[in-house]
């Protein structure tokens, strides 16, 4: 029998642990932007596979509006927009399931939208990275 707990996950941006995640089954998502390989079939029916050098990807995550990490991320996007760009390096780990993800040379696409109402809302952040490495473990 295997078990899973979100308590065993960790997301770091430039070495700072991100915390205060929203509810749900998809609060952290790591995804490549493009396929790793494509193919072409010739008129004779033979296939040629082209391996892409593009390993870029996105790291999307949702935080509660009350998360202290929103302040840190707002600082990063403000610096980025004002000419003090600092590339983002991201690391993700599911320490029990041994899933790992790492992203290099990233940037935040835009500030998280602000939505307010009767109940607490989520803040969605998207980081695009030049190279996203994914290693699926037991999880």
C-alpha atoms as a PDB file:
ATOM      1  CA  UNK A   1       0.000   0.000   0.000  1.00  0.00           C
ATOM      2  CA  UNK A   2       1.218   3.500  -0.815  1.00  0.00           C
ATOM      3  CA  UNK A   3       0.149   6.732   0.788  1.00  0.00           C
ATOM      4  CA  UNK A   4       0.190  10.377  -0.202  1.00  0.00           C
ATOM      5  CA  UNK A   5       0.031  13.596   1.777  1.00  0.00           C
ATOM      6  CA  UNK A   6       0.402  17.163   0.533  1.00  0.00           C
ATOM      7  CA  UNK A   7       2.368  17.716   3.748  1.00  0.00           C
ATOM      8  CA  UNK A   8       5.216  15.863   2.023  1.00  0.00           C
ATOM      9  CA  UNK A   9       5.447  18.368  -0.851  1.00  0.00           C
ATOM     10  CA  UNK A  10       7.833  21.270  -1.092  1.00  0.00           C
ATOM     11  CA  UNK A  11       8.080  24.191  -3.544  1.00  0.00           C
ATOM     12  CA  UNK A  12      11.065  26.541  -3.456  1.00  0.00           C
ATOM     13  CA  UNK A  13      11.609  29.651  -5.581  1.00  0.00           C
ATOM     14  CA  UNK A  14      15.167  30.983  -5.409  1.00  0.00           C
ATOM     15  CA  UNK A  15      15.591  28.970  -2.211  1.00  0.00           C
ATOM     16  CA  UNK A  16      12.533  30.454  -0.478  1.00  0.00           C
ATOM     17  CA  UNK A  17       9.852  27.960   0.562  1.00  0.00           C
ATOM     18  CA  UNK A  18       6.408  28.808  -0.792  1.00  0.00           C
ATOM     19  CA  UNK A  19       3.576  28.166   1.672  1.00  0.00           C
ATOM     20  CA  UNK A  20      -0.098  28.872   2.252  1.00  0.00           C
ATOM     21  CA  UNK A  21      -1.472  26.848  -0.647  1.00  0.00           C
ATOM     22  CA  UNK A  22      -5.129  26.966  -1.648  1.00  0.00           C
ATOM     23  CA  UNK A  23      -7.445  23.965  -1.348  1.00  0.00           C
ATOM     24  CA  UNK A  24      -7.913  21.428  -4.132  1.00  0.00           C
ATOM     25  CA  UNK A  25      -6.296  18.544  -5.928  1.00  0.00           C
ATOM     26  CA  UNK A  26      -4.363  20.704  -8.388  1.00  0.00           C
ATOM     27  CA  UNK A  27      -2.776  23.559  -6.444  1.00  0.00           C
ATOM     28  CA  UNK A  28       0.662  22.884  -7.952  1.00  0.00           C
ATOM     29  CA  UNK A  29       1.083  21.993 -11.615  1.00  0.00           C
ATOM     30  CA  UNK A  30       4.346  21.480 -13.515  1.00  0.00           C
ATOM     31  CA  UNK A  31       3.981  21.164 -17.268  1.00  0.00           C
ATOM     32  CA  UNK A  32       6.230  21.276 -20.307  1.00  0.00           C
ATOM     33  CA  UNK A  33       5.200  23.872 -22.884  1.00  0.00           C
ATOM     34  CA  UNK A  34       5.985  21.702 -25.912  1.00  0.00           C
ATOM     35  CA  UNK A  35       6.386  18.081 -26.904  1.00  0.00           C
ATOM     36  CA  UNK A  36       9.816  16.503 -26.419  1.00  0.00           C
ATOM     37  CA  UNK A  37       9.619  14.778 -29.782  1.00  0.00           C
ATOM     38  CA  UNK A  38       7.643  14.947 -33.010  1.00  0.00           C
ATOM     39  CA  UNK A  39       7.574  12.745 -36.060  1.00  0.00           C
ATOM     40  CA  UNK A  40       7.134  12.888 -39.793  1.00  0.00           C
ATOM     41  CA  UNK A  41       6.112   9.994 -42.029  1.00  0.00           C
ATOM     42  CA  UNK A  42       7.649   9.965 -45.501  1.00  0.00           C
ATOM     43  CA  UNK A  43       5.868   8.897 -48.680  1.00  0.00           C
ATOM     44  CA  UNK A  44       7.464   5.469 -48.283  1.00  0.00           C
ATOM     45  CA  UNK A  45       5.855   5.062 -44.838  1.00  0.00           C
ATOM     46  CA  UNK A  46       9.087   5.416 -42.872  1.00  0.00           C
ATOM     47  CA  UNK A  47       9.037   7.607 -39.813  1.00  0.00           C
ATOM     48  CA  UNK A  48      11.648  10.137 -38.733  1.00  0.00           C
ATOM     49  CA  UNK A  49      11.549  11.341 -35.143  1.00  0.00           C
ATOM     50  CA  UNK A  50      12.810  14.821 -34.319  1.00  0.00           C
ATOM     51  CA  UNK A  51      13.942  15.376 -30.732  1.00  0.00           C
ATOM     52  CA  UNK A  52      13.328  18.918 -29.535  1.00  0.00           C
ATOM     53  CA  UNK A  53      15.869  20.898 -27.546  1.00  0.00           C
ATOM     54  CA  UNK A  54      12.983  22.912 -26.066  1.00  0.00           C
ATOM     55  CA  UNK A  55      12.536  21.866 -22.436  1.00  0.00           C
ATOM     56  CA  UNK A  56      10.710  25.033 -21.344  1.00  0.00           C
ATOM     57  CA  UNK A  57       7.757  24.717 -19.027  1.00  0.00           C
ATOM     58  CA  UNK A  58       5.406  26.304 -16.563  1.00  0.00           C
ATOM     59  CA  UNK A  59       4.993  26.001 -12.832  1.00  0.00           C
ATOM     60  CA  UNK A  60       1.503  27.104 -11.862  1.00  0.00           C
ATOM     61  CA  UNK A  61       0.393  27.238  -8.247  1.00  0.00           C
ATOM     62  CA  UNK A  62      -2.452  28.716  -6.227  1.00  0.00           C
ATOM     63  CA  UNK A  63      -2.057  30.305  -2.826  1.00  0.00           C
ATOM     64  CA  UNK A  64      -4.627  31.519  -0.331  1.00  0.00           C
ATOM     65  CA  UNK A  65      -5.009  35.312  -0.355  1.00  0.00           C
ATOM     66  CA  UNK A  66      -3.675  35.275   3.226  1.00  0.00           C
ATOM     67  CA  UNK A  67      -0.433  33.463   2.326  1.00  0.00           C
ATOM     68  CA  UNK A  68       2.755  35.325   3.267  1.00  0.00           C
ATOM     69  CA  UNK A  69       4.288  33.955   0.049  1.00  0.00           C
ATOM     70  CA  UNK A  70       2.132  36.396  -1.954  1.00  0.00           C
ATOM     71  CA  UNK A  71       4.245  39.224  -0.507  1.00  0.00           C
ATOM     72  CA  UNK A  72       7.476  37.537  -1.619  1.00  0.00           C
ATOM     73  CA  UNK A  73       6.118  36.849  -5.112  1.00  0.00           C
ATOM     74  CA  UNK A  74       4.760  40.383  -5.432  1.00  0.00           C
ATOM     75  CA  UNK A  75       8.254  41.638  -4.627  1.00  0.00           C
ATOM     76  CA  UNK A  76       9.748  39.462  -7.375  1.00  0.00           C
ATOM     77  CA  UNK A  77       7.291  40.626 -10.040  1.00  0.00           C
ATOM     78  CA  UNK A  78       7.669  44.284  -8.972  1.00  0.00           C
ATOM     79  CA  UNK A  79      11.462  44.044  -9.278  1.00  0.00           C
ATOM     80  CA  UNK A  80      11.089  42.281 -12.635  1.00  0.00           C
ATOM     81  CA  UNK A  81       8.761  44.995 -13.972  1.00  0.00           C
ATOM     82  CA  UNK A  82      11.068  47.778 -12.772  1.00  0.00           C
ATOM     83  CA  UNK A  83      14.237  46.539 -14.450  1.00  0.00           C
ATOM     84  CA  UNK A  84      15.748  44.576 -11.580  1.00  0.00           C
ATOM     85  CA  UNK A  85      15.117  41.190 -13.205  1.00  0.00           C
ATOM     86  CA  UNK A  86      16.366  38.246 -11.175  1.00  0.00           C
ATOM     87  CA  UNK A  87      15.950  34.844 -12.889  1.00  0.00           C
ATOM     88  CA  UNK A  88      13.838  32.420 -10.902  1.00  0.00           C
ATOM     89  CA  UNK A  89      15.133  28.963 -10.068  1.00  0.00           C
ATOM     90  CA  UNK A  90      12.409  26.604  -8.845  1.00  0.00           C
ATOM     91  CA  UNK A  91      12.453  23.252  -7.123  1.00  0.00           C
ATOM     92  CA  UNK A  92       9.528  20.961  -6.393  1.00  0.00           C
ATOM     93  CA  UNK A  93       9.590  17.721  -4.435  1.00  0.00           C
ATOM     94  CA  UNK A  94       7.098  15.175  -3.212  1.00  0.00           C
ATOM     95  CA  UNK A  95       9.449  13.754  -0.622  1.00  0.00           C
ATOM     96  CA  UNK A  96       7.403  10.630   0.081  1.00  0.00           C
ATOM     97  CA  UNK A  97       6.485   9.803  -3.531  1.00  0.00           C
ATOM     98  CA  UNK A  98       9.912  10.873  -4.789  1.00  0.00           C
ATOM     99  CA  UNK A  99       8.518  13.082  -7.579  1.00  0.00           C
ATOM    100  CA  UNK A 100      10.948  15.870  -8.430  1.00  0.00           C
ATOM    101  CA  UNK A 101      10.751  18.961 -10.608  1.00  0.00           C
ATOM    102  CA  UNK A 102      13.245  21.723 -11.213  1.00  0.00           C
ATOM    103  CA  UNK A 103      13.117  24.830 -13.342  1.00  0.00           C
ATOM    104  CA  UNK A 104      15.914  27.166 -14.361  1.00  0.00           C
ATOM    105  CA  UNK A 105      16.089  30.725 -15.665  1.00  0.00           C
ATOM    106  CA  UNK A 106      12.428  31.551 -15.034  1.00  0.00           C
ATOM    107  CA  UNK A 107      10.196  34.577 -14.781  1.00  0.00           C
ATOM    108  CA  UNK A 108       6.732  35.358 -13.402  1.00  0.00           C
ATOM    109  CA  UNK A 109       4.276  36.011 -16.233  1.00  0.00           C
ATOM    110  CA  UNK A 110       2.141  38.590 -14.393  1.00  0.00           C
ATOM    111  CA  UNK A 111       0.969  39.505 -10.898  1.00  0.00           C
ATOM    112  CA  UNK A 112      -1.668  37.192  -9.463  1.00  0.00           C
ATOM    113  CA  UNK A 113      -5.168  38.597  -9.940  1.00  0.00           C
ATOM    114  CA  UNK A 114      -6.868  40.063  -6.868  1.00  0.00           C
ATOM    115  CA  UNK A 115     -10.348  38.734  -6.267  1.00  0.00           C
ATOM    116  CA  UNK A 116     -12.114  39.545  -3.015  1.00  0.00           C
ATOM    117  CA  UNK A 117     -15.526  38.605  -1.704  1.00  0.00           C
ATOM    118  CA  UNK A 118     -17.361  37.013   1.187  1.00  0.00           C
ATOM    119  CA  UNK A 119     -14.870  34.145   1.519  1.00  0.00           C
ATOM    120  CA  UNK A 120     -11.126  33.846   1.119  1.00  0.00           C
ATOM    121  CA  UNK A 121      -9.961  33.530  -2.471  1.00  0.00           C
ATOM    122  CA  UNK A 122      -6.940  32.100  -4.217  1.00  0.00           C
ATOM    123  CA  UNK A 123      -4.050  33.869  -5.913  1.00  0.00           C
ATOM    124  CA  UNK A 124      -2.719  32.032  -8.985  1.00  0.00           C
ATOM    125  CA  UNK A 125       0.935  32.496  -9.921  1.00  0.00           C
ATOM    126  CA  UNK A 126       2.610  31.261 -13.109  1.00  0.00           C
ATOM    127  CA  UNK A 127       6.357  30.901 -13.517  1.00  0.00           C
ATOM    128  CA  UNK A 128       7.751  30.104 -16.969  1.00  0.00           C
ATOM    129  CA  UNK A 129      11.162  28.437 -16.960  1.00  0.00           C
ATOM    130  CA  UNK A 130      13.709  27.927 -19.712  1.00  0.00           C
ATOM    131  CA  UNK A 131      14.268  24.310 -18.722  1.00  0.00           C
ATOM    132  CA  UNK A 132      11.798  22.189 -16.747  1.00  0.00           C
ATOM    133  CA  UNK A 133      13.085  18.823 -15.586  1.00  0.00           C
ATOM    134  CA  UNK A 134      10.522  16.305 -14.344  1.00  0.00           C
ATOM    135  CA  UNK A 135      11.311  13.023 -12.629  1.00  0.00           C
ATOM    136  CA  UNK A 136       8.331  10.861 -11.697  1.00  0.00           C
ATOM    137  CA  UNK A 137       8.979   8.681  -8.685  1.00  0.00           C
ATOM    138  CA  UNK A 138       6.491   6.507  -6.847  1.00  0.00           C
ATOM    139  CA  UNK A 139       3.843   9.236  -6.492  1.00  0.00           C
END
